[in-house]
């Protein structure tokens, strides 16, 4: 199943898909991991820029709230307080 993206011409997209298919599992996993890491870093940076006064702990809790919901962030905060983290 090939779908044309809006920002890439069809021939370039076909080459990209071919290269992905030829890559080893280790290489694909490495790329996914790298993309995930970059996405997390960009999200944390955006949260930090929007809330410049946050401590590292507050930034971590805000990240959890934005991506996993307020309920999980609240439970994490309570856990950290119990464990004195």
Protein backbone atom coordinates (compact mmCIF):
# COMPACT_ATOMS: atom_id res chain seq x y z
CA UNK A 1 0.00 0.00 0.00
CA UNK A 2 1.62 3.21 -1.17
CA UNK A 3 0.05 6.55 -0.42
CA UNK A 4 1.43 9.77 -1.81
CA UNK A 5 2.50 12.26 0.83
CA UNK A 6 1.75 15.93 0.30
CA UNK A 7 5.31 17.21 0.61
CA UNK A 8 7.29 14.60 -1.34
CA UNK A 9 7.14 13.83 -5.04
CA UNK A 10 6.11 10.28 -5.91
CA UNK A 11 9.50 9.16 -7.28
CA UNK A 12 11.35 10.40 -4.19
CA UNK A 13 8.81 8.73 -1.92
CA UNK A 14 9.22 5.43 -3.78
CA UNK A 15 13.01 5.62 -3.29
CA UNK A 16 12.56 6.37 0.42
CA UNK A 17 10.20 3.42 0.87
CA UNK A 18 12.58 1.15 -1.01
CA UNK A 19 15.50 2.19 1.21
CA UNK A 20 13.43 1.56 4.35
CA UNK A 21 12.46 -1.89 3.09
CA UNK A 22 16.10 -2.76 2.33
CA UNK A 23 17.36 -1.63 5.73
CA UNK A 24 18.02 -4.24 8.39
CA UNK A 25 15.69 -4.58 11.37
CA UNK A 26 18.43 -3.10 13.58
CA UNK A 27 18.72 -0.06 11.32
CA UNK A 28 14.94 0.45 11.24
CA UNK A 29 14.68 0.18 15.02
CA UNK A 30 17.58 2.61 15.39
CA UNK A 31 15.82 5.15 13.19
CA UNK A 32 12.52 4.77 15.04
CA UNK A 33 14.32 5.17 18.35
CA UNK A 34 16.13 8.26 17.10
CA UNK A 35 12.90 9.79 15.80
CA UNK A 36 11.17 9.09 19.13
CA UNK A 37 14.04 10.65 21.05
CA UNK A 38 13.96 13.76 18.85
CA UNK A 39 10.20 14.07 19.26
CA UNK A 40 10.49 13.85 23.05
CA UNK A 41 13.27 16.45 23.12
CA UNK A 42 11.29 18.86 20.94
CA UNK A 43 8.19 18.41 23.11
CA UNK A 44 10.14 19.03 26.32
CA UNK A 45 11.76 22.11 24.79
CA UNK A 46 8.38 23.51 23.72
CA UNK A 47 6.95 22.94 27.21
CA UNK A 48 10.01 24.58 28.76
CA UNK A 49 9.80 27.61 26.45
CA UNK A 50 6.10 28.04 27.17
CA UNK A 51 6.73 27.71 30.92
CA UNK A 52 10.20 29.17 31.58
CA UNK A 53 9.91 28.99 35.38
CA UNK A 54 9.40 25.23 35.61
CA UNK A 55 11.87 23.13 37.54
CA UNK A 56 13.13 19.89 36.00
CA UNK A 57 10.62 17.94 38.12
CA UNK A 58 7.74 20.19 37.08
CA UNK A 59 8.82 19.93 33.45
CA UNK A 60 8.76 16.13 33.70
CA UNK A 61 5.29 16.18 35.23
CA UNK A 62 4.02 18.62 32.60
CA UNK A 63 5.40 16.32 29.88
CA UNK A 64 3.53 13.37 31.38
CA UNK A 65 0.34 15.44 31.68
CA UNK A 66 0.49 16.60 28.04
CA UNK A 67 1.26 13.19 26.58
CA UNK A 68 -0.35 10.70 28.96
CA UNK A 69 -3.03 12.72 30.71
CA UNK A 70 -3.59 14.65 33.92
CA UNK A 71 -4.62 11.57 35.89
CA UNK A 72 -1.33 9.78 35.30
CA UNK A 73 0.63 12.97 36.02
CA UNK A 74 -1.25 13.36 39.31
CA UNK A 75 -0.53 9.75 40.29
CA UNK A 76 3.13 10.16 39.33
CA UNK A 77 3.37 13.33 41.44
CA UNK A 78 1.86 11.50 44.42
CA UNK A 79 4.23 8.58 43.92
CA UNK A 80 7.23 10.89 43.75
CA UNK A 81 6.11 12.65 46.92
CA UNK A 82 5.68 9.35 48.77
CA UNK A 83 9.11 8.16 47.63
CA UNK A 84 10.62 11.61 48.25
CA UNK A 85 11.90 11.83 44.69
